[in-house]
Amino acid sequence: MLKGIDRRLSAEIVHALMSMGHGDDLLICDVNHPAAAIARDTVWGRVIDMPGCGIAEGAAAILTLMPLDTFVAAPVTRMEVVGDPAARVPVFDAMQAVIDRAEGRPVAMAALERFAFYAAARRAFCVIRTSDPGPYGCFLLKMGVV
């Protein structure tokens, strides 16, 4: 038994986090994201499910163990709203609050067009799919160092 690990973090999630290195990306996504298709191309090779969690609460749990990269301008990337790249949906602000709180400072978040995001996601270390109904609940988190 271990102490201090958020109950929402399964053994597989902790193992994936322990296997990642500085600069690796983790994709956390909602149920609408093509997670299985994307995950096949990642280092991990399959989806890791995080049932019963929304994006913000799942990310908050992950960020209790995972530092964000401080050597890049924006260690978090989200998908742009299709047809309206300047649009904002509530999950963007919810995630911004989570990452700022986890890091104790304002953290820059970049945005990518849908298909550019999918291409970047395929290069991720792993894909963690939450139960969040979305939409646009997909974020790449870049691993930092401790």
N, C-alpha and C. Protein backbone atom coordinates (compact mmCIF):
# COMPACT_ATOMS: atom_id res chain seq x y z
N MET A 1 0.84 -1.18 0.00
CA MET A 1 0.00 0.00 0.00
C MET A 1 0.89 1.24 0.00
N LEU A 2 0.42 2.26 -0.69
CA LEU A 2 1.15 3.52 -0.75
C LEU A 2 0.31 4.63 -0.15
N LYS A 3 0.95 5.64 0.39
CA LYS A 3 0.24 6.79 0.95
C LYS A 3 0.45 7.99 0.05
N GLY A 4 -0.54 8.89 0.04
CA GLY A 4 -0.39 10.16 -0.63
C GLY A 4 -0.67 10.16 -2.12
N ILE A 5 -1.08 9.03 -2.69
CA ILE A 5 -1.41 8.99 -4.11
C ILE A 5 -2.92 9.12 -4.26
N ASP A 6 -3.34 10.06 -5.08
CA ASP A 6 -4.75 10.31 -5.32
C ASP A 6 -5.45 9.01 -5.75
N ARG A 7 -6.58 8.71 -5.16
CA ARG A 7 -7.31 7.47 -5.46
C ARG A 7 -7.75 7.36 -6.92
N ARG A 8 -7.85 8.49 -7.60
CA ARG A 8 -8.27 8.45 -9.01
C ARG A 8 -7.15 7.97 -9.92
N LEU A 9 -5.94 7.87 -9.41
CA LEU A 9 -4.79 7.43 -10.20
C LEU A 9 -4.63 5.92 -10.06
N SER A 10 -4.95 5.20 -11.11
CA SER A 10 -4.82 3.75 -11.11
C SER A 10 -3.34 3.37 -11.14
N ALA A 11 -3.08 2.10 -10.89
CA ALA A 11 -1.70 1.61 -10.95
C ALA A 11 -1.12 1.82 -12.35
N GLU A 12 -1.96 1.65 -13.39
CA GLU A 12 -1.46 1.83 -14.75
C GLU A 12 -1.09 3.29 -15.01
N ILE A 13 -1.89 4.21 -14.50
CA ILE A 13 -1.56 5.63 -14.68
C ILE A 13 -0.26 5.96 -13.97
N VAL A 14 -0.10 5.51 -12.73
CA VAL A 14 1.13 5.77 -11.99
C VAL A 14 2.32 5.14 -12.72
N HIS A 15 2.16 3.94 -13.23
CA HIS A 15 3.23 3.29 -13.98
C HIS A 15 3.61 4.10 -15.22
N ALA A 16 2.60 4.57 -15.96
CA ALA A 16 2.88 5.39 -17.15
C ALA A 16 3.63 6.66 -16.75
N LEU A 17 3.18 7.34 -15.70
CA LEU A 17 3.84 8.56 -15.25
C LEU A 17 5.29 8.28 -14.84
N MET A 18 5.51 7.16 -14.15
CA MET A 18 6.87 6.79 -13.72
C MET A 18 7.75 6.46 -14.91
N SER A 19 7.14 6.01 -16.00
CA SER A 19 7.90 5.63 -17.20
C SER A 19 8.25 6.81 -18.09
N MET A 20 7.53 7.92 -17.93
CA MET A 20 7.77 9.10 -18.75
C MET A 20 9.05 9.81 -18.34
N GLY A 21 9.60 10.56 -19.28
CA GLY A 21 10.78 11.37 -19.01
C GLY A 21 10.55 12.82 -19.39
N HIS A 22 11.50 13.66 -19.06
CA HIS A 22 11.41 15.08 -19.35
C HIS A 22 11.14 15.31 -20.82
N GLY A 23 10.13 16.12 -21.12
CA GLY A 23 9.78 16.45 -22.50
C GLY A 23 8.74 15.53 -23.11
N ASP A 24 8.43 14.40 -22.46
CA ASP A 24 7.38 13.53 -22.97
C ASP A 24 6.01 14.20 -22.77
N ASP A 25 5.10 13.92 -23.69
CA ASP A 25 3.74 14.46 -23.59
C ASP A 25 2.76 13.38 -23.16
N LEU A 26 1.80 13.78 -22.35
CA LEU A 26 0.69 12.94 -21.95
C LEU A 26 -0.57 13.58 -22.52
N LEU A 27 -1.41 12.80 -23.19
CA LEU A 27 -2.69 13.30 -23.68
C LEU A 27 -3.77 12.90 -22.70
N ILE A 28 -4.49 13.87 -22.16
CA ILE A 28 -5.68 13.59 -21.36
C ILE A 28 -6.86 14.08 -22.18
N CYS A 29 -7.87 13.20 -22.33
CA CYS A 29 -8.96 13.54 -23.25
C CYS A 29 -10.33 13.14 -22.72
N ASP A 30 -11.35 13.65 -23.42
CA ASP A 30 -12.74 13.31 -23.11
C ASP A 30 -13.15 12.06 -23.89
N VAL A 31 -14.39 11.62 -23.70
CA VAL A 31 -14.86 10.39 -24.33
C VAL A 31 -15.10 10.55 -25.83
N ASN A 32 -15.16 11.76 -26.35
CA ASN A 32 -15.39 11.98 -27.77
C ASN A 32 -14.11 11.87 -28.59
N HIS A 33 -12.98 12.02 -27.97
CA HIS A 33 -11.70 12.02 -28.67
C HIS A 33 -11.44 10.64 -29.28
N PRO A 34 -10.82 10.57 -30.46
CA PRO A 34 -10.49 9.27 -31.05
C PRO A 34 -9.30 8.62 -30.33
N ALA A 35 -9.49 8.37 -29.05
CA ALA A 35 -8.41 7.94 -28.17
C ALA A 35 -7.77 6.63 -28.60
N ALA A 36 -8.55 5.63 -28.97
CA ALA A 36 -7.97 4.33 -29.34
C ALA A 36 -7.13 4.45 -30.59
N ALA A 37 -7.62 5.18 -31.59
CA ALA A 37 -6.87 5.36 -32.83
C ALA A 37 -5.57 6.12 -32.59
N ILE A 38 -5.62 7.15 -31.76
CA ILE A 38 -4.43 7.94 -31.44
C ILE A 38 -3.46 7.12 -30.60
N ALA A 39 -3.98 6.42 -29.61
CA ALA A 39 -3.13 5.68 -28.66
C ALA A 39 -2.29 4.60 -29.33
N ARG A 40 -2.78 4.02 -30.41
CA ARG A 40 -2.01 2.98 -31.11
C ARG A 40 -0.64 3.47 -31.54
N ASP A 41 -0.52 4.78 -31.82
CA ASP A 41 0.74 5.34 -32.30
C ASP A 41 1.64 5.88 -31.19
N THR A 42 1.17 5.86 -29.95
CA THR A 42 1.96 6.41 -28.84
C THR A 42 2.96 5.37 -28.33
N VAL A 43 3.85 5.81 -27.46
CA VAL A 43 4.81 4.90 -26.84
C VAL A 43 4.08 3.81 -26.06
N TRP A 44 3.06 4.19 -25.29
CA TRP A 44 2.32 3.23 -24.45
C TRP A 44 1.54 2.25 -25.30
N GLY A 45 0.99 2.72 -26.41
CA GLY A 45 0.36 1.83 -27.39
C GLY A 45 -1.10 1.50 -27.19
N ARG A 46 -1.69 1.92 -26.10
CA ARG A 46 -3.11 1.65 -25.84
C ARG A 46 -3.66 2.73 -24.92
N VAL A 47 -4.97 2.86 -24.91
CA VAL A 47 -5.64 3.84 -24.05
C VAL A 47 -5.56 3.39 -22.59
N ILE A 48 -5.35 4.37 -21.72
CA ILE A 48 -5.47 4.15 -20.28
C ILE A 48 -6.75 4.87 -19.87
N ASP A 49 -7.73 4.13 -19.39
CA ASP A 49 -8.99 4.75 -18.99
C ASP A 49 -8.92 5.26 -17.55
N MET A 50 -9.57 6.40 -17.34
CA MET A 50 -9.69 7.02 -16.03
C MET A 50 -11.19 7.23 -15.79
N PRO A 51 -11.93 6.15 -15.50
CA PRO A 51 -13.38 6.23 -15.40
C PRO A 51 -13.84 7.07 -14.21
N GLY A 52 -14.99 7.70 -14.39
CA GLY A 52 -15.59 8.46 -13.31
C GLY A 52 -14.98 9.83 -13.09
N CYS A 53 -14.10 10.27 -13.98
CA CYS A 53 -13.43 11.56 -13.83
C CYS A 53 -13.73 12.46 -15.01
N GLY A 54 -13.90 13.73 -14.71
CA GLY A 54 -13.92 14.74 -15.75
C GLY A 54 -12.49 15.15 -16.05
N ILE A 55 -12.33 15.96 -17.07
CA ILE A 55 -10.99 16.41 -17.48
C ILE A 55 -10.27 17.15 -16.35
N ALA A 56 -10.95 18.14 -15.79
CA ALA A 56 -10.29 18.97 -14.77
C ALA A 56 -9.89 18.16 -13.55
N GLU A 57 -10.77 17.30 -13.06
CA GLU A 57 -10.41 16.53 -11.86
C GLU A 57 -9.37 15.46 -12.18
N GLY A 58 -9.43 14.88 -13.38
CA GLY A 58 -8.41 13.92 -13.78
C GLY A 58 -7.04 14.57 -13.90
N ALA A 59 -7.01 15.73 -14.54
CA ALA A 59 -5.75 16.46 -14.68
C ALA A 59 -5.21 16.89 -13.32
N ALA A 60 -6.09 17.33 -12.44
CA ALA A 60 -5.65 17.74 -11.10
C ALA A 60 -4.98 16.57 -10.38
N ALA A 61 -5.55 15.38 -10.51
CA ALA A 61 -4.96 14.20 -9.88
C ALA A 61 -3.59 13.89 -10.51
N ILE A 62 -3.53 13.89 -11.82
CA ILE A 62 -2.26 13.61 -12.52
C ILE A 62 -1.19 14.62 -12.12
N LEU A 63 -1.57 15.88 -12.03
CA LEU A 63 -0.60 16.93 -11.73
C LEU A 63 -0.14 16.95 -10.27
N THR A 64 -0.72 16.09 -9.43
CA THR A 64 -0.18 15.94 -8.07
C THR A 64 1.14 15.19 -8.12
N LEU A 65 1.36 14.43 -9.21
CA LEU A 65 2.59 13.66 -9.37
C LEU A 65 3.47 14.16 -10.50
N MET A 66 2.88 14.77 -11.50
CA MET A 66 3.61 15.14 -12.72
C MET A 66 3.92 16.63 -12.76
N PRO A 67 5.21 16.99 -12.78
CA PRO A 67 5.55 18.40 -12.96
C PRO A 67 5.42 18.77 -14.44
N LEU A 68 5.04 20.01 -14.70
CA LEU A 68 5.00 20.50 -16.08
C LEU A 68 6.36 21.08 -16.45
N ASP A 69 6.68 20.99 -17.73
CA ASP A 69 7.97 21.44 -18.25
C ASP A 69 8.11 22.96 -18.09
N THR A 70 9.21 23.40 -17.54
CA THR A 70 9.48 24.83 -17.40
C THR A 70 10.45 25.33 -18.46
N PHE A 71 10.92 24.44 -19.33
CA PHE A 71 11.89 24.82 -20.36
C PHE A 71 11.24 25.16 -21.69
N VAL A 72 9.91 25.12 -21.76
CA VAL A 72 9.18 25.48 -22.98
C VAL A 72 8.20 26.60 -22.65
N ALA A 73 7.85 27.38 -23.64
CA ALA A 73 6.96 28.52 -23.42
C ALA A 73 5.57 28.09 -22.97
N ALA A 74 5.05 27.01 -23.54
CA ALA A 74 3.70 26.54 -23.20
C ALA A 74 3.73 25.02 -23.02
N PRO A 75 3.77 24.55 -21.76
CA PRO A 75 3.84 23.11 -21.51
C PRO A 75 2.51 22.38 -21.64
N VAL A 76 1.44 23.13 -21.95
CA VAL A 76 0.12 22.54 -22.15
C VAL A 76 -0.40 23.02 -23.50
N THR A 77 -0.99 22.08 -24.25
CA THR A 77 -1.57 22.41 -25.55
C THR A 77 -2.98 21.86 -25.62
N ARG A 78 -3.89 22.65 -26.16
CA ARG A 78 -5.29 22.23 -26.33
C ARG A 78 -5.66 22.30 -27.80
N MET A 79 -6.80 21.72 -28.13
CA MET A 79 -7.31 21.79 -29.49
C MET A 79 -8.14 23.06 -29.65
N GLU A 80 -8.00 23.72 -30.81
CA GLU A 80 -8.83 24.88 -31.14
C GLU A 80 -10.25 24.42 -31.47
N VAL A 81 -11.21 25.30 -31.28
CA VAL A 81 -12.58 25.04 -31.68
C VAL A 81 -12.63 25.07 -33.21
N VAL A 82 -13.16 24.02 -33.79
CA VAL A 82 -13.23 23.91 -35.25
C VAL A 82 -14.11 25.03 -35.81
N GLY A 83 -13.58 25.74 -36.79
CA GLY A 83 -14.32 26.81 -37.44
C GLY A 83 -14.27 28.14 -36.72
N ASP A 84 -13.74 28.16 -35.48
CA ASP A 84 -13.66 29.39 -34.71
C ASP A 84 -12.47 29.30 -33.75
N PRO A 85 -11.25 29.42 -34.27
CA PRO A 85 -10.06 29.22 -33.44
C PRO A 85 -9.96 30.14 -32.22
N ALA A 86 -10.62 31.28 -32.25
CA ALA A 86 -10.57 32.20 -31.12
C ALA A 86 -11.62 31.88 -30.04
N ALA A 87 -12.53 30.97 -30.35
CA ALA A 87 -13.60 30.64 -29.41
C ALA A 87 -13.06 29.96 -28.16
N ARG A 88 -13.80 30.13 -27.07
CA ARG A 88 -13.45 29.51 -25.80
C ARG A 88 -14.64 28.69 -25.32
N VAL A 89 -14.36 27.52 -24.85
CA VAL A 89 -15.37 26.68 -24.22
C VAL A 89 -15.01 26.54 -22.75
N PRO A 90 -15.97 26.23 -21.88
CA PRO A 90 -15.71 26.21 -20.44
C PRO A 90 -14.53 25.33 -19.99
N VAL A 91 -14.30 24.22 -20.66
CA VAL A 91 -13.21 23.33 -20.24
C VAL A 91 -11.84 23.99 -20.37
N PHE A 92 -11.69 24.95 -21.29
CA PHE A 92 -10.40 25.65 -21.42
C PHE A 92 -10.08 26.41 -20.14
N ASP A 93 -11.06 27.14 -19.61
CA ASP A 93 -10.84 27.91 -18.39
C ASP A 93 -10.70 27.00 -17.17
N ALA A 94 -11.46 25.91 -17.14
CA ALA A 94 -11.34 24.96 -16.03
C ALA A 94 -9.94 24.36 -15.98
N MET A 95 -9.42 23.98 -17.14
CA MET A 95 -8.07 23.41 -17.19
C MET A 95 -7.01 24.46 -16.85
N GLN A 96 -7.21 25.68 -17.31
CA GLN A 96 -6.24 26.73 -16.98
C GLN A 96 -6.14 26.91 -15.47
N ALA A 97 -7.28 26.88 -14.80
CA ALA A 97 -7.28 27.00 -13.34
C ALA A 97 -6.55 25.82 -12.69
N VAL A 98 -6.78 24.63 -13.20
CA VAL A 98 -6.14 23.43 -12.65
C VAL A 98 -4.62 23.49 -12.81
N ILE A 99 -4.15 23.82 -14.01
CA ILE A 99 -2.70 23.82 -14.23
C ILE A 99 -2.02 24.96 -13.47
N ASP A 100 -2.67 26.12 -13.40
CA ASP A 100 -2.09 27.23 -12.64
C ASP A 100 -1.99 26.88 -11.15
N ARG A 101 -3.03 26.25 -10.62
CA ARG A 101 -3.05 25.86 -9.21
C ARG A 101 -1.98 24.79 -8.95
N ALA A 102 -1.88 23.81 -9.84
CA ALA A 102 -0.91 22.72 -9.65
C ALA A 102 0.52 23.23 -9.66
N GLU A 103 0.79 24.21 -10.51
CA GLU A 103 2.16 24.73 -10.63
C GLU A 103 2.42 25.93 -9.72
N GLY A 104 1.37 26.50 -9.14
CA GLY A 104 1.54 27.65 -8.26
C GLY A 104 1.95 28.92 -8.98
N ARG A 105 1.61 28.98 -10.27
CA ARG A 105 1.97 30.14 -11.10
C ARG A 105 1.13 30.09 -12.37
N PRO A 106 1.04 31.22 -13.08
CA PRO A 106 0.34 31.18 -14.38
C PRO A 106 1.15 30.33 -15.38
N VAL A 107 0.47 29.43 -16.06
CA VAL A 107 1.11 28.53 -17.04
C VAL A 107 0.51 28.81 -18.41
N ALA A 108 1.36 29.03 -19.38
CA ALA A 108 0.88 29.29 -20.75
C ALA A 108 0.32 28.01 -21.36
N MET A 109 -0.77 28.20 -22.14
CA MET A 109 -1.40 27.10 -22.84
C MET A 109 -1.46 27.45 -24.33
N ALA A 110 -0.90 26.59 -25.16
CA ALA A 110 -0.94 26.79 -26.61
C ALA A 110 -2.20 26.13 -27.18
N ALA A 111 -2.50 26.43 -28.43
CA ALA A 111 -3.64 25.83 -29.10
C ALA A 111 -3.23 25.38 -30.50
N LEU A 112 -3.78 24.26 -30.93
CA LEU A 112 -3.51 23.73 -32.26
C LEU A 112 -4.82 23.44 -32.98
N GLU A 113 -4.80 23.61 -34.29
CA GLU A 113 -5.93 23.23 -35.14
C GLU A 113 -6.17 21.72 -34.95
N ARG A 114 -7.40 21.28 -35.17
CA ARG A 114 -7.82 19.90 -34.89
C ARG A 114 -6.85 18.85 -35.43
N PHE A 115 -6.55 18.87 -36.71
CA PHE A 115 -5.72 17.81 -37.28
C PHE A 115 -4.25 17.94 -36.88
N ALA A 116 -3.79 19.15 -36.65
CA ALA A 116 -2.44 19.35 -36.11
C ALA A 116 -2.38 18.81 -34.68
N PHE A 117 -3.45 18.98 -33.93
CA PHE A 117 -3.51 18.44 -32.57
C PHE A 117 -3.45 16.92 -32.61
N TYR A 118 -4.23 16.31 -33.51
CA TYR A 118 -4.21 14.85 -33.63
C TYR A 118 -2.80 14.35 -33.95
N ALA A 119 -2.12 15.04 -34.85
CA ALA A 119 -0.75 14.65 -35.22
C ALA A 119 0.18 14.75 -34.01
N ALA A 120 0.07 15.82 -33.24
CA ALA A 120 0.89 15.98 -32.04
C ALA A 120 0.54 14.91 -31.00
N ALA A 121 -0.74 14.59 -30.88
CA ALA A 121 -1.18 13.58 -29.91
C ALA A 121 -0.62 12.21 -30.23
N ARG A 122 -0.47 11.90 -31.51
CA ARG A 122 0.08 10.60 -31.92
C ARG A 122 1.55 10.45 -31.47
N ARG A 123 2.21 11.56 -31.22
CA ARG A 123 3.61 11.51 -30.75
C ARG A 123 3.70 11.51 -29.22
N ALA A 124 2.57 11.49 -28.55
CA ALA A 124 2.56 11.50 -27.08
C ALA A 124 3.08 10.19 -26.52
N PHE A 125 3.44 10.22 -25.27
CA PHE A 125 3.86 9.00 -24.58
C PHE A 125 2.68 8.09 -24.32
N CYS A 126 1.56 8.70 -23.85
CA CYS A 126 0.38 7.91 -23.54
C CYS A 126 -0.89 8.74 -23.67
N VAL A 127 -2.01 8.03 -23.71
CA VAL A 127 -3.34 8.64 -23.80
C VAL A 127 -4.15 8.20 -22.60
N ILE A 128 -4.64 9.18 -21.84
CA ILE A 128 -5.52 8.89 -20.71
C ILE A 128 -6.90 9.45 -21.05
N ARG A 129 -7.88 8.54 -21.12
CA ARG A 129 -9.25 8.92 -21.48
C ARG A 129 -10.11 8.99 -20.22
N THR A 130 -10.69 10.16 -20.00
CA THR A 130 -11.59 10.36 -18.87
C THR A 130 -13.02 10.08 -19.30
N SER A 131 -13.95 10.24 -18.38
CA SER A 131 -15.38 10.07 -18.66
C SER A 131 -16.03 11.39 -19.05
N ASP A 132 -15.25 12.44 -19.18
CA ASP A 132 -15.77 13.77 -19.50
C ASP A 132 -16.52 13.74 -20.83
N PRO A 133 -17.75 14.32 -20.87
CA PRO A 133 -18.52 14.29 -22.11
C PRO A 133 -18.06 15.31 -23.16
N GLY A 134 -17.14 16.20 -22.78
CA GLY A 134 -16.62 17.18 -23.74
C GLY A 134 -17.62 18.28 -24.02
N PRO A 135 -17.47 19.01 -25.08
CA PRO A 135 -16.52 18.84 -26.18
C PRO A 135 -15.20 19.57 -25.91
N TYR A 136 -14.24 19.31 -26.76
CA TYR A 136 -12.92 19.96 -26.75
C TYR A 136 -12.14 19.71 -25.48
N GLY A 137 -12.41 18.61 -24.84
CA GLY A 137 -11.66 18.23 -23.64
C GLY A 137 -10.48 17.36 -23.99
N CYS A 138 -9.49 17.96 -24.64
CA CYS A 138 -8.28 17.20 -24.98
C CYS A 138 -7.08 18.13 -24.83
N PHE A 139 -6.11 17.67 -24.04
CA PHE A 139 -4.97 18.49 -23.67
C PHE A 139 -3.71 17.65 -23.65
N LEU A 140 -2.64 18.20 -24.17
CA LEU A 140 -1.32 17.59 -24.08
C LEU A 140 -0.57 18.27 -22.94
N LEU A 141 -0.07 17.47 -22.00
CA LEU A 141 0.69 17.96 -20.87
C LEU A 141 2.14 17.50 -21.04
N LYS A 142 3.08 18.42 -21.03
CA LYS A 142 4.50 18.09 -21.24
C LYS A 142 5.19 17.91 -19.89
N MET A 143 5.80 16.74 -19.72
CA MET A 143 6.48 16.38 -18.48
C MET A 143 7.70 17.26 -18.24
N GLY A 144 7.81 17.74 -17.00
CA GLY A 144 8.96 18.52 -16.59
C GLY A 144 9.90 17.68 -15.75
N VAL A 145 10.67 18.36 -14.94
CA VAL A 145 11.60 17.66 -14.04
C VAL A 145 11.31 18.08 -12.60
N VAL A 146 11.75 17.24 -11.66
CA VAL A 146 11.57 17.56 -10.25
C VAL A 146 12.86 18.10 -9.68
